[in-house]
């Protein structure tokens, strides 16, 4: 069974990983785990979460690492930085959204990748961010093994991460995400009833 680890800090943005985690978790092929620097965290929406793993317990060969945004990414955690850096070097899949992308920029981990985020000007004071020319003003950007997204791109982020890990073929992924994006009735008009 493949494993996806979602790194969530206190005041994490619960909606940013909800589509992705639920789509992965509804298959027999994937197991979802949470990881953090604390044993318990709360989301922006008030969900209290008991964490499965501390950062040191994340396996080097975990199949997918997802960094969920929120209000607590102004951290300087050496374990997390080393984990992300090693995964980038080893071409292992990583997804980061919203505040988590800010963390990657501040840590100098976006310097070899095309990427997006909430806004490039937010990173002007980050001494280790030296790749402004490769900031792309799009909802989501995938470059090699890294998917980055801004905080309003939960569905686009889901779609691009699923494509990166070859979850299903691209058309099946688009349809699965379209059900949420279009809503049931518009989806039915375009593709037919998915539950019939």
Protein backbone atom coordinates (compact mmCIF):
# COMPACT_ATOMS: atom_id res chain seq x y z
CA UNK A 1 0.00 0.00 0.00
CA UNK A 2 1.25 3.49 -0.85
CA UNK A 3 1.38 6.16 1.82
CA UNK A 4 0.74 9.89 1.62
CA UNK A 5 1.89 12.03 4.54
CA UNK A 6 0.20 15.40 5.04
CA UNK A 7 2.27 17.84 7.09
CA UNK A 8 -0.11 20.06 9.05
CA UNK A 9 0.94 22.73 11.53
CA UNK A 10 -1.23 24.50 14.07
CA UNK A 11 -3.86 26.68 12.36
CA UNK A 12 -3.58 24.65 9.17
CA UNK A 13 -5.96 25.39 6.29
CA UNK A 14 -8.24 22.36 6.53
CA UNK A 15 -9.84 22.89 3.10
CA UNK A 16 -6.53 22.86 1.20
CA UNK A 17 -5.94 19.13 1.58
CA UNK A 18 -9.49 17.87 1.98
CA UNK A 19 -10.17 16.97 -1.66
CA UNK A 20 -6.80 15.33 -2.19
CA UNK A 21 -6.79 13.31 1.03
CA UNK A 22 -10.37 12.10 0.57
CA UNK A 23 -9.77 11.00 -3.03
CA UNK A 24 -6.63 9.08 -2.05
CA UNK A 25 -8.21 7.64 1.10
CA UNK A 26 -11.22 6.23 -0.76
CA UNK A 27 -9.04 3.73 -2.61
CA UNK A 28 -7.47 0.53 -1.35
CA UNK A 29 -4.09 1.63 -2.75
CA UNK A 30 -3.35 4.59 -0.48
CA UNK A 31 -3.03 5.21 3.25
CA UNK A 32 -3.18 8.76 4.66
CA UNK A 33 -1.08 9.88 7.62
CA UNK A 34 -0.62 13.28 9.26
CA UNK A 35 2.70 14.62 10.52
CA UNK A 36 3.62 17.73 12.47
CA UNK A 37 6.00 19.26 14.99
CA UNK A 38 3.36 18.82 17.74
CA UNK A 39 1.20 15.88 18.82
CA UNK A 40 -2.04 17.85 18.46
CA UNK A 41 -2.91 20.73 16.15
CA UNK A 42 -6.05 22.68 15.36
CA UNK A 43 -7.15 23.84 11.94
CA UNK A 44 -8.28 27.32 10.98
CA UNK A 45 -11.78 25.83 10.85
CA UNK A 46 -11.51 24.57 14.42
CA UNK A 47 -10.90 20.86 13.78
CA UNK A 48 -8.67 19.36 16.46
CA UNK A 49 -6.30 16.83 14.94
CA UNK A 50 -4.32 14.10 16.67
CA UNK A 51 -1.12 13.72 14.65
CA UNK A 52 0.07 10.29 13.48
CA UNK A 53 3.80 11.02 13.08
CA UNK A 54 6.35 13.53 14.22
CA UNK A 55 8.61 14.78 11.44
CA UNK A 56 11.45 12.41 12.36
CA UNK A 57 9.12 9.42 11.86
CA UNK A 58 8.40 10.20 8.19
CA UNK A 59 10.00 7.48 6.13
CA UNK A 60 12.63 8.55 3.59
CA UNK A 61 10.76 6.63 0.91
CA UNK A 62 7.20 7.76 1.65
CA UNK A 63 5.29 7.80 -1.64
CA UNK A 64 3.91 11.34 -1.37
CA UNK A 65 4.63 14.27 0.92
CA UNK A 66 2.07 17.08 1.09
CA UNK A 67 2.64 20.37 2.91
CA UNK A 68 -0.68 21.99 3.79
CA UNK A 69 -0.80 25.77 4.20
CA UNK A 70 -2.01 27.77 7.14
CA UNK A 71 -0.93 30.42 9.61
CA UNK A 72 2.10 28.75 11.23
CA UNK A 73 4.65 28.27 8.44
CA UNK A 74 7.00 30.93 9.78
CA UNK A 75 9.17 28.18 11.24
CA UNK A 76 12.81 27.16 10.87
CA UNK A 77 12.60 23.41 11.42
CA UNK A 78 15.83 21.72 10.32
CA UNK A 79 14.28 18.23 10.09
CA UNK A 80 11.55 19.40 7.76
CA UNK A 81 13.94 21.40 5.60
CA UNK A 82 16.28 18.41 5.24
CA UNK A 83 13.37 16.06 4.47
CA UNK A 84 12.04 18.32 1.71
CA UNK A 85 15.50 19.03 0.32
CA UNK A 86 16.33 15.31 0.11
CA UNK A 87 13.01 14.50 -1.58
CA UNK A 88 13.61 17.21 -4.17
CA UNK A 89 17.11 15.85 -4.88
CA UNK A 90 15.78 12.28 -5.12
CA UNK A 91 12.90 13.32 -7.44
CA UNK A 92 10.27 12.11 -4.95
CA UNK A 93 6.77 13.66 -5.17
CA UNK A 94 6.02 16.73 -3.05
CA UNK A 95 3.04 19.05 -3.05
CA UNK A 96 2.93 22.40 -1.24
CA UNK A 97 0.09 24.89 -1.07
CA UNK A 98 -0.35 28.42 0.30
CA UNK A 99 1.76 29.16 3.39
CA UNK A 100 3.75 25.97 2.88
CA UNK A 101 5.05 27.41 -0.42
CA UNK A 102 6.12 30.52 1.50
CA UNK A 103 8.14 28.19 3.74
CA UNK A 104 9.81 26.58 0.71
CA UNK A 105 10.71 30.00 -0.69
CA UNK A 106 12.10 31.26 2.63
CA UNK A 107 14.14 28.06 2.98
CA UNK A 108 15.66 28.43 -0.50
CA UNK A 109 14.01 25.22 -1.71
CA UNK A 110 12.34 26.72 -4.80
CA UNK A 111 15.51 28.00 -6.43
CA UNK A 112 15.70 25.23 -9.07
CA UNK A 113 11.98 24.95 -9.84
CA UNK A 114 9.25 26.78 -11.69
CA UNK A 115 6.61 27.51 -9.08
CA UNK A 116 3.71 29.62 -7.92
CA UNK A 117 2.46 30.82 -4.56
CA UNK A 118 0.24 33.45 -3.03
CA UNK A 119 2.32 36.37 -4.41
CA UNK A 120 6.00 36.80 -5.28
CA UNK A 121 6.29 40.16 -3.50
CA UNK A 122 5.60 38.42 -0.18
CA UNK A 123 9.04 36.83 -0.52
CA UNK A 124 11.04 40.02 -1.17
CA UNK A 125 12.60 39.84 2.30
CA UNK A 126 13.59 36.17 1.99
CA UNK A 127 17.39 36.16 1.58
CA UNK A 128 17.51 32.52 0.41
CA UNK A 129 14.86 32.93 -2.30
CA UNK A 130 16.72 33.59 -5.56
CA UNK A 131 14.33 32.46 -8.27
CA UNK A 132 11.80 35.24 -8.81
CA UNK A 133 12.10 34.84 -12.59
CA UNK A 134 10.52 31.37 -12.31
CA UNK A 135 7.48 32.49 -10.28
CA UNK A 136 4.46 31.86 -12.52
CA UNK A 137 1.19 33.67 -11.80
CA UNK A 138 -1.06 30.61 -12.05
CA UNK A 139 -3.22 28.73 -9.58
CA UNK A 140 -0.95 25.70 -9.67
CA UNK A 141 2.42 24.86 -11.20
CA UNK A 142 4.08 21.47 -11.53
CA UNK A 143 7.78 21.18 -12.27
CA UNK A 144 9.29 17.69 -12.15
CA UNK A 145 8.40 16.23 -8.73
CA UNK A 146 7.08 19.44 -7.15
CA UNK A 147 3.56 20.87 -7.25
CA UNK A 148 3.02 24.35 -5.81
CA UNK A 149 -0.29 26.20 -5.49
CA UNK A 150 -1.74 29.35 -4.01
CA UNK A 151 -4.27 29.28 -1.19
CA UNK A 152 -7.32 29.54 -3.47
CA UNK A 153 -6.36 26.51 -5.58
CA UNK A 154 -7.38 23.46 -3.55
CA UNK A 155 -9.05 21.73 -6.53
CA UNK A 156 -6.33 22.61 -9.02
CA UNK A 157 -3.74 21.44 -6.49
CA UNK A 158 -5.60 18.15 -6.08
CA UNK A 159 -5.75 17.58 -9.81
CA UNK A 160 -2.07 18.32 -10.42
CA UNK A 161 -0.84 16.19 -7.52
CA UNK A 162 -3.01 13.26 -8.68
CA UNK A 163 -1.55 13.59 -12.18
CA UNK A 164 1.99 13.77 -10.80
CA UNK A 165 1.59 10.47 -8.93
CA UNK A 166 -0.30 8.81 -11.84
CA UNK A 167 -3.31 8.17 -9.60
CA UNK A 168 -5.51 7.53 -12.64
CA UNK A 169 -5.31 8.61 -16.27
CA UNK A 170 -5.57 12.37 -16.82
CA UNK A 171 -9.16 12.24 -18.14
CA UNK A 172 -10.39 10.27 -15.11
CA UNK A 173 -8.69 12.74 -12.76
CA UNK A 174 -10.24 15.69 -14.59
CA UNK A 175 -13.69 14.14 -14.29
CA UNK A 176 -13.24 13.36 -10.61
CA UNK A 177 -12.19 16.93 -9.83
CA UNK A 178 -14.85 18.36 -12.19
CA UNK A 179 -17.60 16.88 -10.03
CA UNK A 180 -16.50 19.19 -7.22
CA UNK A 181 -15.65 22.13 -9.45
CA UNK A 182 -18.81 22.15 -11.54
CA UNK A 183 -21.26 20.79 -9.00
CA UNK A 184 -23.52 17.81 -9.50
CA UNK A 185 -26.06 19.23 -11.96
CA UNK A 186 -23.60 20.92 -14.31
CA UNK A 187 -21.45 17.80 -14.16
CA UNK A 188 -24.45 15.67 -15.16
CA UNK A 189 -25.16 17.92 -18.13
CA UNK A 190 -21.56 17.64 -19.30
CA UNK A 191 -20.67 14.02 -18.46
CA UNK A 192 -23.83 12.28 -17.29
CA UNK A 193 -24.78 11.11 -13.82
CA UNK A 194 -21.67 9.68 -12.12
CA UNK A 195 -23.77 7.69 -9.67
CA UNK A 196 -26.21 6.13 -12.14
